[in-house]
Protein backbone atom coordinates (compact mmCIF):
# COMPACT_ATOMS: atom_id res chain seq x y z
CA MET A 1 54.73 -30.98 -234.94
CA VAL A 2 52.30 -32.87 -237.16
CA ILE A 3 49.71 -30.62 -238.79
CA ILE A 4 46.45 -32.29 -239.82
CA GLU A 5 44.18 -30.23 -242.04
CA ILE A 6 40.59 -31.41 -242.37
CA CYS A 7 38.29 -29.97 -245.01
CA ILE A 8 35.14 -28.46 -243.54
CA GLY A 9 33.68 -27.49 -246.91
CA SER A 10 30.09 -28.51 -247.61
CA SER A 11 30.90 -31.63 -249.65
CA CYS A 12 33.29 -33.07 -247.06
CA TYR A 13 31.08 -32.04 -244.17
CA VAL A 14 28.14 -33.94 -245.66
CA ARG A 15 30.37 -37.00 -246.10
CA GLY A 16 31.47 -36.97 -242.45
CA ALA A 17 34.41 -34.61 -242.00
CA ASN A 18 33.15 -33.84 -238.50
CA ASN A 19 33.67 -37.52 -237.65
CA VAL A 20 37.29 -37.26 -238.77
CA VAL A 21 37.76 -34.33 -236.39
CA GLU A 22 36.26 -36.38 -233.55
CA TYR A 23 38.49 -39.39 -234.28
CA VAL A 24 41.66 -37.30 -234.45
CA ASN A 25 40.83 -35.39 -231.27
CA THR A 26 40.18 -38.70 -229.49
CA TRP A 27 43.56 -40.06 -230.63
CA ILE A 28 45.33 -36.88 -229.53
CA GLU A 29 43.93 -37.35 -226.05
CA GLN A 30 44.34 -41.13 -225.97
CA TYR A 31 47.98 -41.10 -227.10
CA GLN A 32 48.85 -37.83 -225.30
CA TRP A 33 49.81 -36.06 -228.53
CA GLU A 34 48.66 -32.63 -227.34
CA GLU A 35 52.12 -31.13 -227.90
CA LYS A 36 52.82 -33.11 -231.08
CA VAL A 37 49.68 -32.93 -233.26
CA LYS A 38 47.66 -29.91 -234.31
CA VAL A 39 44.29 -30.10 -236.07
CA LYS A 40 43.18 -27.32 -238.39
CA GLY A 41 40.01 -26.80 -240.35
CA ALA A 42 40.38 -25.93 -244.02
CA PHE A 43 38.00 -25.02 -246.79
CA CYS A 44 37.83 -26.93 -250.06
CA MET A 45 41.11 -28.64 -250.91
CA GLY A 46 39.94 -29.76 -254.34
CA LEU A 47 40.01 -33.40 -253.25
CA CYS A 48 36.27 -34.05 -253.45
CA SER A 49 36.63 -36.88 -255.97
CA GLN A 50 39.25 -38.64 -253.82
CA GLY A 51 37.31 -38.95 -250.56
CA LEU A 52 37.26 -36.73 -247.50
CA GLY A 53 39.72 -33.85 -247.74
CA VAL A 54 42.53 -34.45 -245.27
CA LYS A 55 46.19 -33.46 -245.40
CA ILE A 56 48.98 -34.46 -243.05
CA ASN A 57 51.89 -32.02 -243.11
CA GLY A 58 50.64 -30.78 -246.47
CA ASN A 59 50.34 -34.24 -248.05
CA ALA A 60 46.85 -35.16 -249.27
CA ILE A 61 45.39 -38.48 -248.13
CA SER A 62 43.38 -40.01 -250.96
CA GLY A 63 40.57 -42.51 -250.60
CA LEU A 64 39.72 -41.57 -247.03
CA GLY A 65 36.17 -42.28 -245.95
CA LEU A 66 34.28 -43.11 -242.79
CA HIS A 67 34.89 -46.81 -243.45
CA ASN A 68 38.68 -46.54 -243.20
CA ILE A 69 39.49 -43.58 -240.95
CA GLU A 70 41.16 -45.64 -238.24
CA SER A 71 42.93 -48.13 -240.50
CA THR A 72 44.27 -45.43 -242.84
CA LEU A 73 44.67 -42.18 -240.95
CA LEU A 74 45.95 -43.39 -237.56
CA PRO A 75 48.99 -45.26 -238.98
CA LEU A 76 49.88 -42.25 -241.14
CA ILE A 77 49.84 -39.95 -238.11
CA GLN A 78 51.93 -42.43 -236.12
CA GLN A 79 54.41 -42.65 -239.00
CA GLU A 80 54.76 -38.85 -239.12
CA LEU A 81 55.49 -38.81 -235.39
CA THR A 82 58.45 -41.19 -235.67
């Protein structure tokens, strides 16, 4: 099971964390990962200076923003599933 934690604190929310949730939920449906990927909300992860706060299986993803969600996050999820 891949656990994706997405910060829903005020700083990340303002920068588009809700869009990350939408992208991930779309991928879960598109790739039929319902039994393989779980999305959780989390409060401040202390990653504000590194981009949107997202962790995959406890590992922080740095530099994530709305401009690179698909090119950065999707391959990392796919890698964790292999």
